[in-house]
Amino acid sequence: MTSSLKQFKRRALSRPGVKAAYDASAEEFAFLDEVLKARAEAGLTQAEVAERIGTTQSAVARLESAEPKHSPSIATLQKYAKALGYTVQLKLVKERRLTTRSSGPGKSVGRGGAQGK
C-alpha cells in the first residue's frame, strides 16, 4: 500500500462510523480472500471456472466481488468450490460479544426450555 493510501485509510478509520462499517465487513472480505486464493491456487481463470460450473465469466466475477446485491446461494458456492477442487464448510461460531439470556445458576437450557437440576 502506498503511503498516501495508508494515510487515507488511517484518517478514514479514525472516524467511528467508518471504523464500524469497516469492521462489519471484515468477515465478508476474509471470505472473499479465501475464494480468490483458492482460484489462484487452482490456476484457473474466471472463464475456466465458469465453464466448469455452467455459467458465465461475469457471474463468477460477481461471485468474487463484494457487491452486496450479488449474494451467491450455498449451492452456487458448492459448485464453485468443487470446480476448484475444494468443498464448502459452513458453521455457526458464537460471537464473544453477544450473550444469551442466563438460565440462572444451576439450570440448563435444552430443547424443552429451562430445566432445574
N, C-alpha and C. Protein backbone atom coordinates (compact mmCIF):
# COMPACT_ATOMS: atom_id res chain seq x y z
N MET A 1 0.85 -1.18 0.00
CA MET A 1 0.00 0.00 0.00
C MET A 1 0.89 1.24 0.00
N THR A 2 0.57 2.19 -0.86
CA THR A 2 1.37 3.42 -0.91
C THR A 2 1.14 4.23 0.36
N SER A 3 2.08 5.12 0.62
CA SER A 3 1.99 5.88 1.86
C SER A 3 0.78 6.79 1.89
N SER A 4 0.39 7.38 0.76
CA SER A 4 -0.80 8.24 0.76
C SER A 4 -2.07 7.41 0.99
N LEU A 5 -2.10 6.19 0.47
CA LEU A 5 -3.25 5.32 0.71
C LEU A 5 -3.30 4.89 2.18
N LYS A 6 -2.14 4.62 2.75
CA LYS A 6 -2.08 4.26 4.17
C LYS A 6 -2.58 5.42 5.03
N GLN A 7 -2.17 6.63 4.68
CA GLN A 7 -2.60 7.81 5.43
C GLN A 7 -4.11 8.00 5.31
N PHE A 8 -4.61 7.84 4.09
CA PHE A 8 -6.06 7.97 3.88
C PHE A 8 -6.81 6.94 4.72
N LYS A 9 -6.35 5.69 4.70
CA LYS A 9 -7.00 4.62 5.46
C LYS A 9 -6.96 4.94 6.95
N ARG A 10 -5.81 5.37 7.46
CA ARG A 10 -5.68 5.70 8.88
C ARG A 10 -6.65 6.82 9.26
N ARG A 11 -6.72 7.89 8.42
CA ARG A 11 -7.65 9.00 8.71
C ARG A 11 -9.10 8.53 8.65
N ALA A 12 -9.42 7.75 7.64
CA ALA A 12 -10.81 7.28 7.49
C ALA A 12 -11.21 6.40 8.68
N LEU A 13 -10.31 5.51 9.09
CA LEU A 13 -10.65 4.60 10.18
C LEU A 13 -10.67 5.28 11.54
N SER A 14 -10.18 6.51 11.61
CA SER A 14 -10.26 7.25 12.87
C SER A 14 -11.68 7.78 13.10
N ARG A 15 -12.50 7.76 12.05
CA ARG A 15 -13.91 8.17 12.17
C ARG A 15 -14.72 6.97 12.64
N PRO A 16 -15.46 7.09 13.75
CA PRO A 16 -16.17 5.95 14.32
C PRO A 16 -17.13 5.24 13.35
N GLY A 17 -17.86 5.99 12.55
CA GLY A 17 -18.80 5.37 11.62
C GLY A 17 -18.10 4.56 10.54
N VAL A 18 -17.00 5.10 10.04
CA VAL A 18 -16.22 4.39 9.02
C VAL A 18 -15.61 3.14 9.62
N LYS A 19 -15.06 3.26 10.81
CA LYS A 19 -14.43 2.12 11.50
C LYS A 19 -15.46 1.02 11.73
N ALA A 20 -16.65 1.36 12.15
CA ALA A 20 -17.70 0.36 12.40
C ALA A 20 -18.09 -0.36 11.12
N ALA A 21 -18.24 0.38 10.03
CA ALA A 21 -18.58 -0.23 8.74
C ALA A 21 -17.45 -1.12 8.25
N TYR A 22 -16.23 -0.68 8.42
CA TYR A 22 -15.05 -1.45 8.01
C TYR A 22 -14.99 -2.75 8.80
N ASP A 23 -15.16 -2.66 10.11
CA ASP A 23 -15.12 -3.86 10.96
C ASP A 23 -16.26 -4.81 10.63
N ALA A 24 -17.43 -4.28 10.31
CA ALA A 24 -18.59 -5.12 9.98
C ALA A 24 -18.36 -5.90 8.70
N SER A 25 -17.52 -5.40 7.82
CA SER A 25 -17.24 -6.06 6.54
C SER A 25 -16.06 -7.02 6.61
N ALA A 26 -15.38 -7.08 7.72
CA ALA A 26 -14.14 -7.86 7.83
C ALA A 26 -14.35 -9.34 7.49
N GLU A 27 -15.42 -9.96 7.99
CA GLU A 27 -15.66 -11.38 7.73
C GLU A 27 -15.92 -11.62 6.25
N GLU A 28 -16.71 -10.74 5.63
CA GLU A 28 -17.01 -10.90 4.21
C GLU A 28 -15.75 -10.80 3.37
N PHE A 29 -14.90 -9.82 3.68
CA PHE A 29 -13.67 -9.66 2.92
C PHE A 29 -12.71 -10.83 3.17
N ALA A 30 -12.69 -11.36 4.37
CA ALA A 30 -11.84 -12.52 4.65
C ALA A 30 -12.31 -13.71 3.82
N PHE A 31 -13.63 -13.89 3.71
CA PHE A 31 -14.17 -14.97 2.89
C PHE A 31 -13.80 -14.76 1.42
N LEU A 32 -13.95 -13.54 0.93
CA LEU A 32 -13.61 -13.25 -0.46
C LEU A 32 -12.13 -13.50 -0.73
N ASP A 33 -11.27 -13.19 0.24
CA ASP A 33 -9.85 -13.50 0.10
C ASP A 33 -9.63 -15.00 -0.06
N GLU A 34 -10.36 -15.80 0.73
CA GLU A 34 -10.26 -17.26 0.63
C GLU A 34 -10.68 -17.73 -0.76
N VAL A 35 -11.77 -17.18 -1.27
CA VAL A 35 -12.28 -17.55 -2.59
C VAL A 35 -11.24 -17.24 -3.67
N LEU A 36 -10.68 -16.05 -3.61
CA LEU A 36 -9.70 -15.64 -4.63
C LEU A 36 -8.41 -16.45 -4.53
N LYS A 37 -7.97 -16.74 -3.30
CA LYS A 37 -6.76 -17.56 -3.12
C LYS A 37 -6.98 -18.97 -3.66
N ALA A 38 -8.17 -19.52 -3.43
CA ALA A 38 -8.47 -20.87 -3.91
C ALA A 38 -8.41 -20.93 -5.43
N ARG A 39 -8.97 -19.93 -6.10
CA ARG A 39 -8.94 -19.92 -7.56
C ARG A 39 -7.51 -19.74 -8.07
N ALA A 40 -6.74 -18.88 -7.40
CA ALA A 40 -5.35 -18.67 -7.80
C ALA A 40 -4.54 -19.96 -7.62
N GLU A 41 -4.76 -20.65 -6.50
CA GLU A 41 -4.05 -21.91 -6.26
C GLU A 41 -4.45 -22.98 -7.28
N ALA A 42 -5.69 -22.95 -7.73
CA ALA A 42 -6.16 -23.90 -8.73
C ALA A 42 -5.62 -23.54 -10.12
N GLY A 43 -5.13 -22.31 -10.27
CA GLY A 43 -4.57 -21.88 -11.54
C GLY A 43 -5.61 -21.71 -12.64
N LEU A 44 -6.82 -21.32 -12.24
CA LEU A 44 -7.91 -21.18 -13.21
C LEU A 44 -8.30 -19.72 -13.38
N THR A 45 -8.75 -19.38 -14.57
CA THR A 45 -9.31 -18.05 -14.82
C THR A 45 -10.79 -18.09 -14.46
N GLN A 46 -11.40 -16.92 -14.36
CA GLN A 46 -12.83 -16.86 -14.12
C GLN A 46 -13.59 -17.57 -15.23
N ALA A 47 -13.15 -17.42 -16.46
CA ALA A 47 -13.81 -18.08 -17.60
C ALA A 47 -13.74 -19.59 -17.48
N GLU A 48 -12.60 -20.11 -17.03
CA GLU A 48 -12.45 -21.56 -16.88
C GLU A 48 -13.35 -22.10 -15.76
N VAL A 49 -13.43 -21.35 -14.66
CA VAL A 49 -14.33 -21.76 -13.58
C VAL A 49 -15.77 -21.72 -14.07
N ALA A 50 -16.12 -20.67 -14.79
CA ALA A 50 -17.48 -20.53 -15.33
C ALA A 50 -17.84 -21.71 -16.21
N GLU A 51 -16.93 -22.13 -17.06
CA GLU A 51 -17.20 -23.27 -17.94
C GLU A 51 -17.42 -24.55 -17.14
N ARG A 52 -16.63 -24.73 -16.09
CA ARG A 52 -16.76 -25.93 -15.26
C ARG A 52 -18.09 -26.00 -14.51
N ILE A 53 -18.63 -24.84 -14.14
CA ILE A 53 -19.88 -24.86 -13.37
C ILE A 53 -21.10 -24.48 -14.20
N GLY A 54 -20.89 -24.26 -15.48
CA GLY A 54 -22.01 -23.99 -16.37
C GLY A 54 -22.63 -22.61 -16.23
N THR A 55 -21.77 -21.61 -16.12
CA THR A 55 -22.27 -20.24 -16.02
C THR A 55 -21.37 -19.34 -16.85
N THR A 56 -21.50 -18.05 -16.68
CA THR A 56 -20.69 -17.09 -17.44
C THR A 56 -19.55 -16.55 -16.60
N GLN A 57 -18.57 -16.00 -17.28
CA GLN A 57 -17.44 -15.38 -16.58
C GLN A 57 -17.92 -14.22 -15.72
N SER A 58 -18.90 -13.47 -16.23
CA SER A 58 -19.39 -12.31 -15.46
C SER A 58 -20.09 -12.76 -14.17
N ALA A 59 -20.75 -13.92 -14.21
CA ALA A 59 -21.38 -14.45 -12.99
C ALA A 59 -20.32 -14.83 -11.96
N VAL A 60 -19.22 -15.40 -12.41
CA VAL A 60 -18.11 -15.73 -11.50
C VAL A 60 -17.51 -14.45 -10.94
N ALA A 61 -17.37 -13.43 -11.78
CA ALA A 61 -16.84 -12.14 -11.31
C ALA A 61 -17.73 -11.56 -10.21
N ARG A 62 -19.04 -11.65 -10.39
CA ARG A 62 -19.97 -11.16 -9.35
C ARG A 62 -19.81 -11.96 -8.07
N LEU A 63 -19.66 -13.28 -8.20
CA LEU A 63 -19.49 -14.13 -7.02
C LEU A 63 -18.24 -13.72 -6.25
N GLU A 64 -17.19 -13.35 -6.98
CA GLU A 64 -15.92 -13.00 -6.35
C GLU A 64 -15.85 -11.54 -5.91
N SER A 65 -16.91 -10.79 -6.10
CA SER A 65 -16.90 -9.38 -5.72
C SER A 65 -17.57 -9.19 -4.37
N ALA A 66 -17.41 -8.01 -3.83
CA ALA A 66 -18.04 -7.67 -2.55
C ALA A 66 -19.36 -6.95 -2.76
N GLU A 67 -19.90 -7.04 -3.96
CA GLU A 67 -21.17 -6.37 -4.27
C GLU A 67 -22.30 -7.01 -3.46
N PRO A 68 -22.93 -6.26 -2.56
CA PRO A 68 -23.93 -6.85 -1.67
C PRO A 68 -25.18 -7.39 -2.36
N LYS A 69 -25.53 -6.88 -3.53
CA LYS A 69 -26.75 -7.36 -4.17
C LYS A 69 -26.53 -8.68 -4.92
N HIS A 70 -25.31 -9.20 -4.88
CA HIS A 70 -25.00 -10.46 -5.55
C HIS A 70 -24.52 -11.48 -4.53
N SER A 71 -25.38 -11.90 -3.64
CA SER A 71 -25.03 -12.90 -2.65
C SER A 71 -25.31 -14.28 -3.22
N PRO A 72 -24.27 -15.08 -3.44
CA PRO A 72 -24.49 -16.41 -4.04
C PRO A 72 -25.16 -17.36 -3.06
N SER A 73 -25.89 -18.31 -3.60
CA SER A 73 -26.52 -19.34 -2.77
C SER A 73 -25.46 -20.33 -2.30
N ILE A 74 -25.80 -21.12 -1.31
CA ILE A 74 -24.89 -22.16 -0.85
C ILE A 74 -24.61 -23.15 -1.98
N ALA A 75 -25.64 -23.49 -2.76
CA ALA A 75 -25.47 -24.41 -3.88
C ALA A 75 -24.47 -23.86 -4.89
N THR A 76 -24.52 -22.56 -5.17
CA THR A 76 -23.58 -21.95 -6.11
C THR A 76 -22.16 -21.97 -5.54
N LEU A 77 -22.03 -21.68 -4.25
CA LEU A 77 -20.71 -21.74 -3.63
C LEU A 77 -20.15 -23.16 -3.67
N GLN A 78 -21.02 -24.15 -3.49
CA GLN A 78 -20.57 -25.54 -3.55
C GLN A 78 -20.08 -25.91 -4.95
N LYS A 79 -20.79 -25.47 -5.98
CA LYS A 79 -20.36 -25.72 -7.37
C LYS A 79 -19.01 -25.05 -7.64
N TYR A 80 -18.90 -23.81 -7.20
CA TYR A 80 -17.66 -23.05 -7.38
C TYR A 80 -16.50 -23.78 -6.70
N ALA A 81 -16.71 -24.16 -5.45
CA ALA A 81 -15.66 -24.85 -4.69
C ALA A 81 -15.26 -26.16 -5.37
N LYS A 82 -16.24 -26.92 -5.80
CA LYS A 82 -15.96 -28.21 -6.46
C LYS A 82 -15.15 -28.01 -7.73
N ALA A 83 -15.45 -26.97 -8.49
CA ALA A 83 -14.71 -26.67 -9.71
C ALA A 83 -13.23 -26.40 -9.43
N LEU A 84 -12.95 -25.95 -8.21
CA LEU A 84 -11.56 -25.64 -7.81
C LEU A 84 -10.90 -26.78 -7.05
N GLY A 85 -11.67 -27.85 -6.79
CA GLY A 85 -11.13 -28.96 -6.02
C GLY A 85 -11.26 -28.75 -4.52
N TYR A 86 -12.23 -27.98 -4.11
CA TYR A 86 -12.47 -27.67 -2.70
C TYR A 86 -13.88 -28.10 -2.30
N THR A 87 -14.18 -28.04 -1.02
CA THR A 87 -15.54 -28.19 -0.52
C THR A 87 -15.85 -26.96 0.33
N VAL A 88 -17.12 -26.71 0.51
CA VAL A 88 -17.56 -25.59 1.36
C VAL A 88 -17.92 -26.17 2.72
N GLN A 89 -17.42 -25.54 3.77
CA GLN A 89 -17.77 -25.94 5.13
C GLN A 89 -18.40 -24.74 5.81
N LEU A 90 -19.64 -24.91 6.24
CA LEU A 90 -20.33 -23.83 6.93
C LEU A 90 -20.49 -24.21 8.40
N LYS A 91 -20.30 -23.25 9.26
CA LYS A 91 -20.54 -23.50 10.67
C LYS A 91 -20.90 -22.19 11.35
N LEU A 92 -21.68 -22.29 12.38
CA LEU A 92 -22.02 -21.12 13.19
C LEU A 92 -21.04 -21.06 14.35
N VAL A 93 -20.45 -19.91 14.55
CA VAL A 93 -19.50 -19.70 15.62
C VAL A 93 -20.04 -18.61 16.51
N LYS A 94 -20.20 -18.91 17.79
CA LYS A 94 -20.75 -17.94 18.73
C LYS A 94 -19.83 -16.74 18.87
N GLU A 95 -20.41 -15.57 18.75
CA GLU A 95 -19.65 -14.35 18.93
C GLU A 95 -19.41 -14.13 20.41
N ARG A 96 -18.23 -13.69 20.76
CA ARG A 96 -17.89 -13.46 22.17
C ARG A 96 -18.64 -12.28 22.75
N ARG A 97 -18.93 -11.27 21.92
CA ARG A 97 -19.54 -10.06 22.46
C ARG A 97 -21.04 -10.21 22.71
N LEU A 98 -21.67 -11.23 22.14
CA LEU A 98 -23.09 -11.44 22.35
C LEU A 98 -23.30 -12.42 23.50
N THR A 99 -24.27 -12.13 24.31
CA THR A 99 -24.57 -13.05 25.40
C THR A 99 -26.00 -13.54 25.24
N THR A 100 -26.24 -14.71 25.76
CA THR A 100 -27.60 -15.24 25.74
C THR A 100 -28.24 -14.95 27.07
N ARG A 101 -29.55 -15.10 27.12
CA ARG A 101 -30.22 -14.91 28.40
C ARG A 101 -29.73 -15.97 29.36
N SER A 102 -29.43 -15.57 30.54
CA SER A 102 -28.94 -16.51 31.54
C SER A 102 -30.08 -17.38 32.02
N SER A 103 -29.80 -18.66 32.14
CA SER A 103 -30.82 -19.56 32.66
C SER A 103 -30.70 -19.66 34.18
N GLY A 104 -29.81 -18.88 34.74
CA GLY A 104 -29.66 -18.85 36.18
C GLY A 104 -28.69 -19.91 36.65
N PRO A 105 -28.22 -19.77 37.89
CA PRO A 105 -27.27 -20.74 38.43
C PRO A 105 -27.94 -22.11 38.61
N GLY A 106 -27.22 -23.13 38.22
CA GLY A 106 -27.71 -24.49 38.43
C GLY A 106 -28.78 -24.93 37.46
N LYS A 107 -29.03 -24.14 36.43
CA LYS A 107 -30.06 -24.50 35.46
C LYS A 107 -29.43 -24.63 34.09
N SER A 108 -30.01 -25.47 33.28
CA SER A 108 -29.54 -25.60 31.90
C SER A 108 -30.72 -25.39 30.99
N VAL A 109 -30.42 -24.96 29.78
CA VAL A 109 -31.47 -24.76 28.80
C VAL A 109 -31.30 -25.83 27.74
N GLY A 110 -32.33 -26.61 27.52
CA GLY A 110 -32.31 -27.65 26.50
C GLY A 110 -33.46 -27.44 25.55
N ARG A 111 -33.80 -28.47 24.82
CA ARG A 111 -34.89 -28.37 23.85
C ARG A 111 -36.22 -28.05 24.52
N GLY A 112 -36.40 -28.50 25.72
CA GLY A 112 -37.67 -28.28 26.39
C GLY A 112 -37.74 -26.99 27.17
N GLY A 113 -36.72 -26.14 27.07
CA GLY A 113 -36.71 -24.88 27.80
C GLY A 113 -35.84 -25.00 29.03
N ALA A 114 -35.97 -24.04 29.95
CA ALA A 114 -35.16 -24.06 31.16
C ALA A 114 -35.58 -25.20 32.06
N GLN A 115 -34.60 -25.88 32.59
CA GLN A 115 -34.86 -27.01 33.47
C GLN A 115 -33.97 -26.88 34.69
N GLY A 116 -34.51 -27.11 35.85
CA GLY A 116 -33.71 -27.07 37.06
C GLY A 116 -32.95 -28.36 37.22
N LYS A 117 -31.91 -28.33 38.08
CA LYS A 117 -31.10 -29.54 38.34
C LYS A 117 -31.74 -30.37 39.39
